[in-house]
Every structure is written in structure tokens, then in C-alpha cells.
Amino acid sequence: MFTDVHSFSTLPLRSNHPVPGQDWPGRHEGLTVRESDILLLVAHGLCNQDISERLFLSINSIKSYIRSAYRKMAVESRTQAVLWAIEHGFRPDLTVVEEHRPAV
């Protein structure tokens, strides 16, 4: 399912309970579905606060998921995480992010 809960535009988020046999980027590297969803939003360029609001999770939960994902990916920075994500099948659609950026 592709739904952004705030504006109903498309962002590829998956359920926390995938159907048996279903796959997601990062699964084979040990990422959970939730970590994968959050990493995708990081790769889209969203900050932790924006991710928190979109997923209806606390900022501390987002930070915890990100730390856990970083350990599994063996990265130390957000930039490294985005590069890892792209190399492992995450394909951010930057046009989606542009629609959500506030006007300057």
C-alpha cells in the first residue's frame, strides 16, 4: 500500500506485519519492516520530526529505530545511511518530497 497519512500523496510505506513471502528492501540485511519504512523516509530527505509526525510515533521512537538500523547497516551517519539505502534497493522519489516541503 502506498499512502502518506498526512496528505494522501504516495510514499511507499509497508505494514508492520507483511504477508508471508513478501519482501522489502533491507530485509536480507536484518532490517525490520518499520526500520525499512523509516530508512526510506530518511532517504527521501525527511527529518526525524517529519518522520515522527507522518508515522504517528514519538521522536524518541524514531531515533531508536534509526539507531537500530544504523547498527544493522554498519553506518555512522545519515549520509552513509542514505547511500546504503540506495545501494540496497531503496529508491527515493524526490518529486514526492518536493510536494511536501514548505514554501520559502
PDB file of N, CA and C in Angstrom:
ATOM      1  N   MET A   1       0.845  -1.165   0.000  1.00  0.00           N
ATOM      2  CA  MET A   1       0.000   0.000   0.000  1.00  0.00           C
ATOM      3  C   MET A   1       0.891   1.228   0.000  1.00  0.00           C
ATOM      4  N   PHE A   2       0.537   2.271  -0.720  1.00  0.00           N
ATOM      5  CA  PHE A   2       1.322   3.491  -0.802  1.00  0.00           C
ATOM      6  C   PHE A   2       0.486   4.648  -0.311  1.00  0.00           C
ATOM      7  N   THR A   3       0.673   5.018   0.955  1.00  0.00           N
ATOM      8  CA  THR A   3      -0.130   6.102   1.494  1.00  0.00           C
ATOM      9  C   THR A   3       0.690   6.968   2.418  1.00  0.00           C
ATOM     10  N   ASP A   4       0.608   8.239   2.267  1.00  0.00           N
ATOM     11  CA  ASP A   4       1.170   9.211   3.184  1.00  0.00           C
ATOM     12  C   ASP A   4      -0.003   9.686   4.025  1.00  0.00           C
ATOM     13  N   VAL A   5       0.029   9.443   5.317  1.00  0.00           N
ATOM     14  CA  VAL A   5      -1.133   9.680   6.158  1.00  0.00           C
ATOM     15  C   VAL A   5      -1.508  11.146   6.298  1.00  0.00           C
ATOM     16  N   HIS A   6      -0.576  12.072   6.013  1.00  0.00           N
ATOM     17  CA  HIS A   6      -0.907  13.480   6.187  1.00  0.00           C
ATOM     18  C   HIS A   6      -1.529  14.131   4.954  1.00  0.00           C
ATOM     19  N   SER A   7      -1.052  13.783   3.786  1.00  0.00           N
ATOM     20  CA  SER A   7      -1.549  14.483   2.608  1.00  0.00           C
ATOM     21  C   SER A   7      -2.121  13.533   1.557  1.00  0.00           C
ATOM     22  N   PHE A   8      -2.114  12.258   1.859  1.00  0.00           N
ATOM     23  CA  PHE A   8      -2.644  11.242   0.953  1.00  0.00           C
ATOM     24  C   PHE A   8      -1.948  11.213  -0.396  1.00  0.00           C
ATOM     25  N   SER A   9      -0.707  11.717  -0.443  1.00  0.00           N
ATOM     26  CA  SER A   9       0.091  11.500  -1.646  1.00  0.00           C
ATOM     27  C   SER A   9       0.838  10.190  -1.465  1.00  0.00           C
ATOM     28  N   THR A  10       1.606   9.805  -2.447  1.00  0.00           N
ATOM     29  CA  THR A  10       2.203   8.482  -2.389  1.00  0.00           C
ATOM     30  C   THR A  10       3.586   8.493  -1.765  1.00  0.00           C
ATOM     31  N   LEU A  11       3.762   7.700  -0.736  1.00  0.00           N
ATOM     32  CA  LEU A  11       5.053   7.339  -0.174  1.00  0.00           C
ATOM     33  C   LEU A  11       4.967   5.846   0.114  1.00  0.00           C
ATOM     34  N   PRO A  12       5.916   5.062  -0.340  1.00  0.00           N
ATOM     35  CA  PRO A  12       5.798   3.619  -0.192  1.00  0.00           C
ATOM     36  C   PRO A  12       6.067   3.148   1.228  1.00  0.00           C
ATOM     37  N   LEU A  13       5.042   3.033   2.037  1.00  0.00           N
ATOM     38  CA  LEU A  13       5.155   2.522   3.391  1.00  0.00           C
ATOM     39  C   LEU A  13       4.476   1.172   3.454  1.00  0.00           C
ATOM     40  N   ARG A  14       5.077   0.281   4.211  1.00  0.00           N
ATOM     41  CA  ARG A  14       4.542  -1.062   4.328  1.00  0.00           C
ATOM     42  C   ARG A  14       3.959  -1.284   5.709  1.00  0.00           C
ATOM     43  N   SER A  15       3.175  -2.317   5.841  1.00  0.00           N
ATOM     44  CA  SER A  15       2.611  -2.720   7.120  1.00  0.00           C
ATOM     45  C   SER A  15       3.704  -3.303   8.000  1.00  0.00           C
ATOM     46  N   ASN A  16       3.524  -3.247   9.327  1.00  0.00           N
ATOM     47  CA  ASN A  16       4.466  -3.884  10.240  1.00  0.00           C
ATOM     48  C   ASN A  16       4.368  -5.395  10.187  1.00  0.00           C
ATOM     49  N   HIS A  17       3.310  -5.937   9.619  1.00  0.00           N
ATOM     50  CA  HIS A  17       3.100  -7.371   9.548  1.00  0.00           C
ATOM     51  C   HIS A  17       2.926  -7.784   8.095  1.00  0.00           C
ATOM     52  N   PRO A  18       4.060  -7.963   7.374  1.00  0.00           N
ATOM     53  CA  PRO A  18       3.946  -8.294   5.962  1.00  0.00           C
ATOM     54  C   PRO A  18       3.341  -9.673   5.759  1.00  0.00           C
ATOM     55  N   VAL A  19       2.756  -9.848   4.607  1.00  0.00           N
ATOM     56  CA  VAL A  19       2.196 -11.130   4.217  1.00  0.00           C
ATOM     57  C   VAL A  19       3.350 -12.119   4.061  1.00  0.00           C
ATOM     58  N   PRO A  20       3.180 -13.393   4.500  1.00  0.00           N
ATOM     59  CA  PRO A  20       4.256 -14.363   4.321  1.00  0.00           C
ATOM     60  C   PRO A  20       4.735 -14.394   2.868  1.00  0.00           C
ATOM     61  N   GLY A  21       6.051 -14.407   2.710  1.00  0.00           N
ATOM     62  CA  GLY A  21       6.628 -14.419   1.376  1.00  0.00           C
ATOM     63  C   GLY A  21       6.867 -13.023   0.814  1.00  0.00           C
ATOM     64  N   GLN A  22       6.325 -11.999   1.454  1.00  0.00           N
ATOM     65  CA  GLN A  22       6.511 -10.623   0.999  1.00  0.00           C
ATOM     66  C   GLN A  22       7.934 -10.184   1.337  1.00  0.00           C
ATOM     67  N   ASP A  23       8.490  -9.317   0.537  1.00  0.00           N
ATOM     68  CA  ASP A  23       9.850  -8.859   0.742  1.00  0.00           C
ATOM     69  C   ASP A  23       9.875  -7.346   0.808  1.00  0.00           C
ATOM     70  N   TRP A  24      10.919  -6.800   1.410  1.00  0.00           N
ATOM     71  CA  TRP A  24      11.100  -5.353   1.470  1.00  0.00           C
ATOM     72  C   TRP A  24      12.602  -5.071   1.442  1.00  0.00           C
ATOM     73  N   PRO A  25      12.985  -3.894   0.976  1.00  0.00           N
ATOM     74  CA  PRO A  25      14.407  -3.551   0.938  1.00  0.00           C
ATOM     75  C   PRO A  25      15.008  -3.604   2.346  1.00  0.00           C
ATOM     76  N   GLY A  26      16.164  -4.224   2.468  1.00  0.00           N
ATOM     77  CA  GLY A  26      16.854  -4.316   3.744  1.00  0.00           C
ATOM     78  C   GLY A  26      16.513  -5.557   4.552  1.00  0.00           C
ATOM     79  N   ARG A  27      15.514  -6.299   4.123  1.00  0.00           N
ATOM     80  CA  ARG A  27      15.095  -7.490   4.872  1.00  0.00           C
ATOM     81  C   ARG A  27      16.239  -8.495   5.023  1.00  0.00           C
ATOM     82  N   HIS A  28      16.958  -8.728   3.946  1.00  0.00           N
ATOM     83  CA  HIS A  28      18.027  -9.714   3.969  1.00  0.00           C
ATOM     84  C   HIS A  28      19.228  -9.246   4.784  1.00  0.00           C
ATOM     85  N   GLU A  29      19.294  -7.963   5.065  1.00  0.00           N
ATOM     86  CA  GLU A  29      20.355  -7.412   5.904  1.00  0.00           C
ATOM     87  C   GLU A  29      19.917  -7.316   7.361  1.00  0.00           C
ATOM     88  N   GLY A  30      18.677  -7.714   7.645  1.00  0.00           N
ATOM     89  CA  GLY A  30      18.194  -7.752   9.023  1.00  0.00           C
ATOM     90  C   GLY A  30      17.307  -6.602   9.445  1.00  0.00           C
ATOM     91  N   LEU A  31      16.970  -5.685   8.530  1.00  0.00           N
ATOM     92  CA  LEU A  31      16.099  -4.566   8.894  1.00  0.00           C
ATOM     93  C   LEU A  31      14.660  -5.052   9.066  1.00  0.00           C
ATOM     94  N   THR A  32      13.997  -4.531  10.085  1.00  0.00           N
ATOM     95  CA  THR A  32      12.573  -4.812  10.247  1.00  0.00           C
ATOM     96  C   THR A  32      11.794  -3.978   9.238  1.00  0.00           C
ATOM     97  N   VAL A  33      10.533  -4.285   9.091  1.00  0.00           N
ATOM     98  CA  VAL A  33       9.681  -3.511   8.191  1.00  0.00           C
ATOM     99  C   VAL A  33       9.647  -2.051   8.644  1.00  0.00           C
ATOM    100  N   ARG A  34       9.498  -1.818   9.947  1.00  0.00           N
ATOM    101  CA  ARG A  34       9.438  -0.443  10.459  1.00  0.00           C
ATOM    102  C   ARG A  34      10.751   0.292  10.203  1.00  0.00           C
ATOM    103  N   GLU A  35      11.892  -0.363  10.457  1.00  0.00           N
ATOM    104  CA  GLU A  35      13.184   0.269  10.178  1.00  0.00           C
ATOM    105  C   GLU A  35      13.315   0.586   8.697  1.00  0.00           C
ATOM    106  N   SER A  36      12.843  -0.305   7.861  1.00  0.00           N
ATOM    107  CA  SER A  36      12.878  -0.084   6.419  1.00  0.00           C
ATOM    108  C   SER A  36      12.027   1.123   6.025  1.00  0.00           C
ATOM    109  N   ASP A  37      10.830   1.222   6.590  1.00  0.00           N
ATOM    110  CA  ASP A  37       9.959   2.372   6.310  1.00  0.00           C
ATOM    111  C   ASP A  37      10.628   3.678   6.716  1.00  0.00           C
ATOM    112  N   ILE A  38      11.222   3.684   7.898  1.00  0.00           N
ATOM    113  CA  ILE A  38      11.865   4.896   8.395  1.00  0.00           C
ATOM    114  C   ILE A  38      13.082   5.235   7.549  1.00  0.00           C
ATOM    115  N   LEU A  39      13.864   4.231   7.183  1.00  0.00           N
ATOM    116  CA  LEU A  39      15.026   4.472   6.327  1.00  0.00           C
ATOM    117  C   LEU A  39      14.609   5.046   4.980  1.00  0.00           C
ATOM    118  N   LEU A  40      13.502   4.568   4.438  1.00  0.00           N
ATOM    119  CA  LEU A  40      13.003   5.115   3.176  1.00  0.00           C
ATOM    120  C   LEU A  40      12.690   6.603   3.321  1.00  0.00           C
ATOM    121  N   LEU A  41      12.062   6.981   4.425  1.00  0.00           N
ATOM    122  CA  LEU A  41      11.737   8.389   4.648  1.00  0.00           C
ATOM    123  C   LEU A  41      13.005   9.214   4.879  1.00  0.00           C
ATOM    124  N   VAL A  42      14.000   8.639   5.541  1.00  0.00           N
ATOM    125  CA  VAL A  42      15.296   9.310   5.679  1.00  0.00           C
ATOM    126  C   VAL A  42      15.895   9.519   4.292  1.00  0.00           C
ATOM    127  N   ALA A  43      15.835   8.492   3.452  1.00  0.00           N
ATOM    128  CA  ALA A  43      16.374   8.595   2.088  1.00  0.00           C
ATOM    129  C   ALA A  43      15.610   9.618   1.256  1.00  0.00           C
ATOM    130  N   HIS A  44      14.338   9.856   1.601  1.00  0.00           N
ATOM    131  CA  HIS A  44      13.551  10.891   0.927  1.00  0.00           C
ATOM    132  C   HIS A  44      13.970  12.285   1.391  1.00  0.00           C
ATOM    133  N   GLY A  45      14.769  12.359   2.460  1.00  0.00           N
ATOM    134  CA  GLY A  45      15.251  13.647   2.934  1.00  0.00           C
ATOM    135  C   GLY A  45      14.460  14.228   4.093  1.00  0.00           C
ATOM    136  N   LEU A  46      13.567  13.450   4.677  1.00  0.00           N
ATOM    137  CA  LEU A  46      12.770  13.951   5.782  1.00  0.00           C
ATOM    138  C   LEU A  46      13.576  13.944   7.078  1.00  0.00           C
ATOM    139  N   CYS A  47      13.322  14.932   7.922  1.00  0.00           N
ATOM    140  CA  CYS A  47      13.976  14.988   9.221  1.00  0.00           C
ATOM    141  C   CYS A  47      13.207  14.095  10.204  1.00  0.00           C
ATOM    142  N   ASN A  48      13.818  13.829  11.348  1.00  0.00           N
ATOM    143  CA  ASN A  48      13.195  12.942  12.338  1.00  0.00           C
ATOM    144  C   ASN A  48      11.818  13.436  12.767  1.00  0.00           C
ATOM    145  N   GLN A  49      11.662  14.737  12.947  1.00  0.00           N
ATOM    146  CA  GLN A  49      10.374  15.283  13.366  1.00  0.00           C
ATOM    147  C   GLN A  49       9.298  15.023  12.314  1.00  0.00           C
ATOM    148  N   ASP A  50       9.621  15.221  11.055  1.00  0.00           N
ATOM    149  CA  ASP A  50       8.659  14.955   9.983  1.00  0.00           C
ATOM    150  C   ASP A  50       8.279  13.477   9.930  1.00  0.00           C
ATOM    151  N   ILE A  51       9.281  12.612  10.098  1.00  0.00           N
ATOM    152  CA  ILE A  51       9.011  11.170  10.105  1.00  0.00           C
ATOM    153  C   ILE A  51       8.100  10.821  11.271  1.00  0.00           C
ATOM    154  N   SER A  52       8.381  11.394  12.424  1.00  0.00           N
ATOM    155  CA  SER A  52       7.579  11.167  13.624  1.00  0.00           C
ATOM    156  C   SER A  52       6.117  11.542  13.392  1.00  0.00           C
ATOM    157  N   GLU A  53       5.894  12.687  12.800  1.00  0.00           N
ATOM    158  CA  GLU A  53       4.528  13.155  12.536  1.00  0.00           C
ATOM    159  C   GLU A  53       3.824  12.282  11.504  1.00  0.00           C
ATOM    160  N   ARG A  54       4.525  11.847  10.479  1.00  0.00           N
ATOM    161  CA  ARG A  54       3.907  11.031   9.429  1.00  0.00           C
ATOM    162  C   ARG A  54       3.524   9.643   9.921  1.00  0.00           C
ATOM    163  N   LEU A  55       4.335   9.082  10.834  1.00  0.00           N
ATOM    164  CA  LEU A  55       4.093   7.722  11.296  1.00  0.00           C
ATOM    165  C   LEU A  55       3.378   7.664  12.646  1.00  0.00           C
ATOM    166  N   PHE A  56       3.074   8.827  13.191  1.00  0.00           N
ATOM    167  CA  PHE A  56       2.396   8.908  14.487  1.00  0.00           C
ATOM    168  C   PHE A  56       3.174   8.177  15.575  1.00  0.00           C
ATOM    169  N   LEU A  57       4.489   8.378  15.577  1.00  0.00           N
ATOM    170  CA  LEU A  57       5.368   7.818  16.593  1.00  0.00           C
ATOM    171  C   LEU A  57       6.098   8.954  17.279  1.00  0.00           C
ATOM    172  N   SER A  58       6.563   8.719  18.492  1.00  0.00           N
ATOM    173  CA  SER A  58       7.315   9.761  19.190  1.00  0.00           C
ATOM    174  C   SER A  58       8.667   9.956  18.518  1.00  0.00           C
ATOM    175  N   ILE A  59       9.236  11.123  18.711  1.00  0.00           N
ATOM    176  CA  ILE A  59      10.552  11.422  18.156  1.00  0.00           C
ATOM    177  C   ILE A  59      11.585  10.457  18.723  1.00  0.00           C
ATOM    178  N   ASN A  60      11.426  10.076  20.002  1.00  0.00           N
ATOM    179  CA  ASN A  60      12.365   9.130  20.607  1.00  0.00           C
ATOM    180  C   ASN A  60      12.260   7.745  19.978  1.00  0.00           C
ATOM    181  N   SER A  61      11.066   7.338  19.598  1.00  0.00           N
ATOM    182  CA  SER A  61      10.905   6.057  18.897  1.00  0.00           C
ATOM    183  C   SER A  61      11.605   6.100  17.549  1.00  0.00           C
ATOM    184  N   ILE A  62      11.453   7.205  16.838  1.00  0.00           N
ATOM    185  CA  ILE A  62      12.116   7.349  15.532  1.00  0.00           C
ATOM    186  C   ILE A  62      13.626   7.255  15.703  1.00  0.00           C
ATOM    187  N   LYS A  63      14.162   7.970  16.679  1.00  0.00           N
ATOM    188  CA  LYS A  63      15.607   7.937  16.921  1.00  0.00           C
ATOM    189  C   LYS A  63      16.076   6.529  17.268  1.00  0.00           C
ATOM    190  N   SER A  64      15.279   5.810  18.034  1.00  0.00           N
ATOM    191  CA  SER A  64      15.625   4.447  18.415  1.00  0.00           C
ATOM    192  C   SER A  64      15.651   3.528  17.192  1.00  0.00           C
ATOM    193  N   TYR A  65      14.633   3.636  16.339  1.00  0.00           N
ATOM    194  CA  TYR A  65      14.608   2.837  15.113  1.00  0.00           C
ATOM    195  C   TYR A  65      15.800   3.165  14.221  1.00  0.00           C
ATOM    196  N   ILE A  66      16.134   4.433  14.123  1.00  0.00           N
ATOM    197  CA  ILE A  66      17.261   4.838  13.275  1.00  0.00           C
ATOM    198  C   ILE A  66      18.571   4.280  13.831  1.00  0.00           C
ATOM    199  N   ARG A  67      18.776   4.380  15.159  1.00  0.00           N
ATOM    200  CA  ARG A  67      19.999   3.827  15.767  1.00  0.00           C
ATOM    201  C   ARG A  67      20.113   2.322  15.504  1.00  0.00           C
ATOM    202  N   SER A  68      19.006   1.632  15.665  1.00  0.00           N
ATOM    203  CA  SER A  68      18.990   0.189  15.432  1.00  0.00           C
ATOM    204  C   SER A  68      19.328  -0.141  13.977  1.00  0.00           C
ATOM    205  N   ALA A  69      18.738   0.600  13.057  1.00  0.00           N
ATOM    206  CA  ALA A  69      19.009   0.386  11.635  1.00  0.00           C
ATOM    207  C   ALA A  69      20.472   0.691  11.311  1.00  0.00           C
ATOM    208  N   TYR A  70      21.018   1.775  11.875  1.00  0.00           N
ATOM    209  CA  TYR A  70      22.420   2.126  11.630  1.00  0.00           C
ATOM    210  C   TYR A  70      23.340   0.982  12.054  1.00  0.00           C
ATOM    211  N   ARG A  71      23.057   0.378  13.216  1.00  0.00           N
ATOM    212  CA  ARG A  71      23.887  -0.742  13.687  1.00  0.00           C
ATOM    213  C   ARG A  71      23.830  -1.903  12.694  1.00  0.00           C
ATOM    214  N   LYS A  72      22.645  -2.219  12.224  1.00  0.00           N
ATOM    215  CA  LYS A  72      22.483  -3.337  11.290  1.00  0.00           C
ATOM    216  C   LYS A  72      23.136  -3.055   9.946  1.00  0.00           C
ATOM    217  N   MET A  73      23.145  -1.790   9.549  1.00  0.00           N
ATOM    218  CA  MET A  73      23.723  -1.410   8.258  1.00  0.00           C
ATOM    219  C   MET A  73      25.216  -1.099   8.371  1.00  0.00           C
ATOM    220  N   ALA A  74      25.721  -1.012   9.610  1.00  0.00           N
ATOM    221  CA  ALA A  74      27.123  -0.666   9.874  1.00  0.00           C
ATOM    222  C   ALA A  74      27.478   0.700   9.300  1.00  0.00           C
ATOM    223  N   VAL A  75      26.596   1.679   9.554  1.00  0.00           N
ATOM    224  CA  VAL A  75      26.855   3.058   9.142  1.00  0.00           C
ATOM    225  C   VAL A  75      26.840   3.945  10.383  1.00  0.00           C
ATOM    226  N   GLU A  76      27.420   5.130  10.258  1.00  0.00           N
ATOM    227  CA  GLU A  76      27.523   6.033  11.395  1.00  0.00           C
ATOM    228  C   GLU A  76      26.875   7.393  11.158  1.00  0.00           C
ATOM    229  N   SER A  77      26.418   7.648   9.947  1.00  0.00           N
ATOM    230  CA  SER A  77      25.839   8.959   9.671  1.00  0.00           C
ATOM    231  C   SER A  77      24.610   8.820   8.786  1.00  0.00           C
ATOM    232  N   ARG A  78      23.828   9.877   8.757  1.00  0.00           N
ATOM    233  CA  ARG A  78      22.630   9.907   7.915  1.00  0.00           C
ATOM    234  C   ARG A  78      23.015   9.806   6.438  1.00  0.00           C
ATOM    235  N   THR A  79      24.082  10.476   6.057  1.00  0.00           N
ATOM    236  CA  THR A  79      24.546  10.425   4.670  1.00  0.00           C
ATOM    237  C   THR A  79      24.929   9.008   4.279  1.00  0.00           C
ATOM    238  N   GLN A  80      25.668   8.325   5.151  1.00  0.00           N
ATOM    239  CA  GLN A  80      26.036   6.940   4.879  1.00  0.00           C
ATOM    240  C   GLN A  80      24.789   6.060   4.789  1.00  0.00           C
ATOM    241  N   ALA A  81      23.800   6.337   5.632  1.00  0.00           N
ATOM    242  CA  ALA A  81      22.558   5.548   5.629  1.00  0.00           C
ATOM    243  C   ALA A  81      21.811   5.732   4.312  1.00  0.00           C
ATOM    244  N   VAL A  82      21.757   6.949   3.812  1.00  0.00           N
ATOM    245  CA  VAL A  82      21.074   7.205   2.534  1.00  0.00           C
ATOM    246  C   VAL A  82      21.802   6.488   1.402  1.00  0.00           C
ATOM    247  N   LEU A  83      23.119   6.575   1.380  1.00  0.00           N
ATOM    248  CA  LEU A  83      23.883   5.871   0.343  1.00  0.00           C
ATOM    249  C   LEU A  83      23.670   4.365   0.444  1.00  0.00           C
ATOM    250  N   TRP A  84      23.670   3.828   1.661  1.00  0.00           N
ATOM    251  CA  TRP A  84      23.418   2.404   1.868  1.00  0.00           C
ATOM    252  C   TRP A  84      22.033   2.036   1.342  1.00  0.00           C
ATOM    253  N   ALA A  85      21.059   2.867   1.665  1.00  0.00           N
ATOM    254  CA  ALA A  85      19.680   2.603   1.246  1.00  0.00           C
ATOM    255  C   ALA A  85      19.576   2.522  -0.282  1.00  0.00           C
ATOM    256  N   ILE A  86      20.185   3.450  -0.958  1.00  0.00           N
ATOM    257  CA  ILE A  86      20.130   3.465  -2.424  1.00  0.00           C
ATOM    258  C   ILE A  86      20.828   2.236  -2.999  1.00  0.00           C
ATOM    259  N   GLU A  87      21.963   1.866  -2.410  1.00  0.00           N
ATOM    260  CA  GLU A  87      22.705   0.700  -2.884  1.00  0.00           C
ATOM    261  C   GLU A  87      21.960  -0.610  -2.627  1.00  0.00           C
ATOM    262  N   HIS A  88      21.008  -0.596  -1.700  1.00  0.00           N
ATOM    263  CA  HIS A  88      20.297  -1.823  -1.332  1.00  0.00           C
ATOM    264  C   HIS A  88      18.832  -1.824  -1.772  1.00  0.00           C
ATOM    265  N   GLY A  89      18.531  -1.066  -2.795  1.00  0.00           N
ATOM    266  CA  GLY A  89      17.214  -1.178  -3.401  1.00  0.00           C
ATOM    267  C   GLY A  89      16.178  -0.157  -2.994  1.00  0.00           C
ATOM    268  N   PHE A  90      16.502   0.750  -2.086  1.00  0.00           N
ATOM    269  CA  PHE A  90      15.576   1.827  -1.740  1.00  0.00           C
ATOM    270  C   PHE A  90      15.697   2.868  -2.840  1.00  0.00           C
ATOM    271  N   ARG A  91      14.585   3.265  -3.402  1.00  0.00           N
ATOM    272  CA  ARG A  91      14.614   4.224  -4.496  1.00  0.00           C
ATOM    273  C   ARG A  91      13.747   5.423  -4.146  1.00  0.00           C
ATOM    274  N   PRO A  92      14.360   6.444  -3.529  1.00  0.00           N
ATOM    275  CA  PRO A  92      13.563   7.615  -3.174  1.00  0.00           C
ATOM    276  C   PRO A  92      13.039   8.346  -4.394  1.00  0.00           C
ATOM    277  N   ASP A  93      11.794   8.764  -4.324  1.00  0.00           N
ATOM    278  CA  ASP A  93      11.163   9.564  -5.366  1.00  0.00           C
ATOM    279  C   ASP A  93      11.190  11.009  -4.891  1.00  0.00           C
ATOM    280  N   LEU A  94      12.162  11.767  -5.354  1.00  0.00           N
ATOM    281  CA  LEU A  94      12.352  13.123  -4.845  1.00  0.00           C
ATOM    282  C   LEU A  94      11.211  14.059  -5.209  1.00  0.00           C
ATOM    283  N   THR A  95      10.427  13.734  -6.224  1.00  0.00           N
ATOM    284  CA  THR A  95       9.296  14.595  -6.564  1.00  0.00           C
ATOM    285  C   THR A  95       8.246  14.543  -5.463  1.00  0.00           C
ATOM    286  N   VAL A  96       8.142  13.418  -4.763  1.00  0.00           N
ATOM    287  CA  VAL A  96       7.192  13.305  -3.657  1.00  0.00           C
ATOM    288  C   VAL A  96       7.608  14.217  -2.523  1.00  0.00           C
ATOM    289  N   VAL A  97       8.905  14.245  -2.210  1.00  0.00           N
ATOM    290  CA  VAL A  97       9.413  15.079  -1.135  1.00  0.00           C
ATOM    291  C   VAL A  97       9.193  16.552  -1.451  1.00  0.00           C
ATOM    292  N   GLU A  98       9.447  16.946  -2.685  1.00  0.00           N
ATOM    293  CA  GLU A  98       9.282  18.346  -3.080  1.00  0.00           C
ATOM    294  C   GLU A  98       7.859  18.828  -2.838  1.00  0.00           C
ATOM    295  N   GLU A  99       6.869  17.966  -3.018  1.00  0.00           N
ATOM    296  CA  GLU A  99       5.489  18.358  -2.801  1.00  0.00           C
ATOM    297  C   GLU A  99       5.202  18.694  -1.350  1.00  0.00           C
ATOM    298  N   HIS A 100       6.011  18.163  -0.427  1.00  0.00           N
ATOM    299  CA  HIS A 100       5.761  18.323   0.995  1.00  0.00           C
ATOM    300  C   HIS A 100       6.625  19.381   1.650  1.00  0.00           C
ATOM    301  N   ARG A 101       7.564  19.934   0.924  1.00  0.00           N
ATOM    302  CA  ARG A 101       8.438  20.954   1.502  1.00  0.00           C
ATOM    303  C   ARG A 101       7.689  22.269   1.601  1.00  0.00           C
ATOM    304  N   PRO A 102       7.873  22.958   2.743  1.00  0.00           N
ATOM    305  CA  PRO A 102       7.190  24.253   2.907  1.00  0.00           C
ATOM    306  C   PRO A 102       7.742  25.288   1.934  1.00  0.00           C
ATOM    307  N   ALA A 103       6.905  26.187   1.526  1.00  0.00           N
ATOM    308  CA  ALA A 103       7.333  27.264   0.627  1.00  0.00           C
ATOM    309  C   ALA A 103       8.246  28.205   1.380  1.00  0.00           C
ATOM    310  N   VAL A 104       9.275  28.683   0.697  1.00  0.00           N
ATOM    311  CA  VAL A 104      10.247  29.579   1.331  1.00  0.00           C
ATOM    312  C   VAL A 104       9.884  31.011   1.067  1.00  0.00           C
TER     313      VAL A 104
END
